[in-house]
Amino acid sequence: MPLWKIYHPTGAYTAEDKKTLAKRVTEVYARIPIPQFYVVCVFEEFAKDSCFVGGEPHNRFVRFKIDQIARTLPGSIIREWWMRALDEAIAPFVKERGYDWEISIDETPFDLWSLHGELPPPFESVAEKRWVKENKASPYTIAEKLPVNLILAPGISDR
């Protein structure tokens, strides 16, 4: 689950802008792929002169606060690539509109998360692939926790 909290000035985004931005964010995650229903975007408006940067009012600032649980980002190269992918996805809504913006990501433990009472299945598992296809949470068996491309190597026997 990525939960995006988007803090923005009142009137910065129309209902259609919000829908389009949420769709763009969802598409970035869907390429991984993770189930689209994992992606949640919440838009939080703030009134004029209610945002301060460096102690001064800043009425053209947008803050993206992201909690990621479904995946973690191992290593600096992947983290840089991911941040650039997110910046590219949001650019039409901040950069191209003259806003200053900031993104931060918190990665929380995968095992402290559930959806509709179901613990999410492991990455690349049969159940996760089904959740992607069906775009909803549903019960799964222990066999569905196995990877889609399970390879059981016999070990080293030529020594």
Protein backbone atom coordinates (compact mmCIF):
# COMPACT_ATOMS: atom_id res chain seq x y z
CA MET A 1 0.00 0.00 0.00
CA PRO A 2 1.28 3.34 -0.88
CA LEU A 3 -0.71 6.03 0.89
CA TRP A 4 -0.16 9.43 -0.65
CA LYS A 5 -1.14 12.46 1.43
CA ILE A 6 -1.01 15.49 -0.82
CA TYR A 7 -1.03 18.81 1.03
CA HIS A 8 -1.81 21.73 -1.29
CA PRO A 9 -3.20 25.26 -1.31
CA THR A 10 -6.97 25.62 -1.50
CA GLY A 11 -8.06 25.72 -5.13
CA ALA A 12 -4.79 24.36 -6.51
CA TYR A 13 -6.49 21.32 -7.99
CA THR A 14 -9.92 20.72 -9.44
CA ALA A 15 -11.79 17.47 -8.88
CA GLU A 16 -10.64 16.38 -12.36
CA ASP A 17 -7.02 17.31 -11.57
CA LYS A 18 -7.17 15.17 -8.42
CA LYS A 19 -8.61 12.23 -10.34
CA THR A 20 -5.96 12.53 -13.05
CA LEU A 21 -3.10 12.86 -10.56
CA ALA A 22 -4.35 9.85 -8.56
CA LYS A 23 -4.54 7.85 -11.80
CA ARG A 24 -0.97 8.84 -12.74
CA VAL A 25 0.31 7.81 -9.32
CA THR A 26 -1.57 4.50 -9.55
CA GLU A 27 -0.09 3.81 -13.01
CA VAL A 28 3.46 4.24 -11.68
CA TYR A 29 2.85 1.55 -9.06
CA ALA A 30 0.92 -0.69 -11.46
CA ARG A 31 4.07 -0.98 -13.60
CA ILE A 32 5.86 -2.76 -10.72
CA PRO A 33 3.20 -4.47 -10.71
CA ILE A 34 1.23 -4.21 -7.51
CA PRO A 35 -2.56 -4.32 -7.28
CA GLN A 36 -4.01 -0.96 -8.20
CA PHE A 37 -6.32 -1.00 -5.18
CA TYR A 38 -3.22 -0.77 -2.96
CA VAL A 39 -2.75 2.87 -4.07
CA VAL A 40 -4.56 5.49 -1.99
CA CYS A 41 -4.35 9.26 -2.55
CA VAL A 42 -5.77 11.74 -0.06
CA PHE A 43 -5.81 15.43 -0.95
CA GLU A 44 -5.53 17.83 1.98
CA GLU A 45 -6.16 21.49 1.21
CA PHE A 46 -4.70 24.22 3.35
CA ALA A 47 -5.94 27.82 3.51
CA LYS A 48 -3.95 30.80 2.28
CA ASP A 49 -1.21 31.80 4.72
CA SER A 50 -1.46 28.41 6.49
CA CYS A 51 1.76 26.98 5.05
CA PHE A 52 5.15 28.32 6.08
CA VAL A 53 8.55 27.43 4.66
CA GLY A 54 11.57 28.78 6.48
CA GLY A 55 9.24 30.71 8.77
CA GLU A 56 7.64 32.62 5.89
CA PRO A 57 4.18 32.13 4.32
CA HIS A 58 4.39 30.05 1.16
CA ASN A 59 1.14 29.86 -0.81
CA ARG A 60 2.61 27.97 -3.80
CA PHE A 61 3.88 24.86 -2.02
CA VAL A 62 2.74 21.24 -2.37
CA ARG A 63 3.88 18.47 -0.04
CA PHE A 64 3.68 14.77 -0.94
CA LYS A 65 3.90 12.53 2.13
CA ILE A 66 4.03 8.88 1.09
CA ASP A 67 3.78 5.76 3.24
CA GLN A 68 4.93 2.69 1.35
CA ILE A 69 4.26 -0.76 2.75
CA ALA A 70 3.77 -3.09 -0.22
CA ARG A 71 7.38 -2.69 -1.38
CA THR A 72 10.64 -1.43 0.02
CA LEU A 73 13.39 0.11 -2.06
CA PRO A 74 16.71 -1.69 -1.67
CA GLY A 75 19.79 0.36 -2.43
CA SER A 76 20.56 3.90 -3.47
CA ILE A 77 20.32 3.37 -7.25
CA ILE A 78 16.77 2.00 -7.07
CA ARG A 79 15.80 4.70 -4.59
CA GLU A 80 17.09 7.44 -6.90
CA TRP A 81 15.32 5.88 -9.90
CA TRP A 82 12.07 5.69 -7.92
CA MET A 83 12.24 9.30 -6.72
CA ARG A 84 12.85 10.47 -10.29
CA ALA A 85 9.91 8.35 -11.54
CA LEU A 86 7.64 9.95 -8.95
CA ASP A 87 8.88 13.46 -9.78
CA GLU A 88 8.13 12.76 -13.44
CA ALA A 89 4.63 11.53 -12.63
CA ILE A 90 3.70 14.62 -10.59
CA ALA A 91 5.51 17.23 -12.74
CA PRO A 92 2.39 18.34 -14.65
CA PHE A 93 0.73 19.15 -11.31
CA VAL A 94 3.59 20.99 -9.64
CA LYS A 95 6.57 21.90 -11.79
CA GLU A 96 4.52 22.80 -14.85
CA ARG A 97 2.16 24.91 -12.71
CA GLY A 98 4.87 26.86 -10.93
CA TYR A 99 4.56 25.23 -7.50
CA ASP A 100 7.42 24.40 -5.19
CA TRP A 101 7.12 20.82 -3.93
CA GLU A 102 8.60 18.21 -1.71
CA ILE A 103 8.27 14.42 -1.58
CA SER A 104 9.12 12.15 1.32
CA ILE A 105 8.62 8.41 1.65
CA ASP A 106 8.33 6.35 4.80
CA GLU A 107 8.64 2.58 4.44
CA THR A 108 6.68 0.77 7.10
CA PRO A 109 6.84 -2.96 7.92
CA PHE A 110 4.94 -5.18 5.48
CA ASP A 111 3.79 -7.49 8.27
CA LEU A 112 1.94 -4.67 10.07
CA TRP A 113 -0.64 -4.17 7.33
CA SER A 114 -3.91 -5.75 6.26
CA LEU A 115 -6.61 -5.10 3.66
CA HIS A 116 -10.23 -5.92 4.47
CA GLY A 117 -8.96 -8.30 7.16
CA GLU A 118 -6.57 -10.12 4.80
CA LEU A 119 -2.82 -10.04 5.23
CA PRO A 120 -1.29 -9.16 1.86
CA PRO A 121 0.33 -12.07 0.04
CA PRO A 122 4.09 -12.20 -0.51
CA PHE A 123 5.75 -10.41 -3.42
CA GLU A 124 5.57 -12.34 -6.71
CA SER A 125 3.36 -15.03 -5.16
CA VAL A 126 0.50 -16.77 -6.89
CA ALA A 127 -1.95 -14.95 -4.61
CA GLU A 128 -0.42 -11.54 -5.29
CA LYS A 129 -0.65 -12.11 -9.05
CA ARG A 130 -4.32 -13.01 -8.58
CA TRP A 131 -4.88 -9.85 -6.52
CA VAL A 132 -3.29 -7.82 -9.32
CA LYS A 133 -5.54 -9.44 -11.92
CA GLU A 134 -8.74 -9.20 -9.85
CA ASN A 135 -7.80 -5.81 -8.35
CA LYS A 136 -9.18 -6.77 -4.95
CA ALA A 137 -8.18 -8.48 -1.71
CA SER A 138 -9.40 -12.01 -1.14
CA PRO A 139 -8.49 -15.04 0.98
CA TYR A 140 -5.69 -17.27 -0.24
CA THR A 141 -4.17 -20.61 0.63
CA ILE A 142 -0.68 -21.36 1.86
CA ALA A 143 0.10 -22.84 -1.58
CA GLU A 144 -0.77 -19.47 -3.13
CA LYS A 145 1.94 -17.86 -0.97
CA LEU A 146 4.54 -19.61 -3.14
CA PRO A 147 6.26 -17.66 -5.92
CA VAL A 148 4.72 -17.88 -9.39
CA ASN A 149 8.03 -19.11 -10.82
CA LEU A 150 8.99 -21.51 -8.05
CA ILE A 151 12.27 -23.30 -8.72
CA LEU A 152 13.25 -26.01 -6.30
CA ALA A 153 16.96 -26.54 -6.86
CA PRO A 154 18.29 -29.92 -5.70
CA GLY A 155 21.44 -28.34 -4.30
CA ILE A 156 25.03 -29.04 -5.15
CA SER A 157 25.59 -32.72 -5.76
CA ASP A 158 28.74 -32.74 -7.88
CA ARG A 159 31.24 -32.30 -5.02
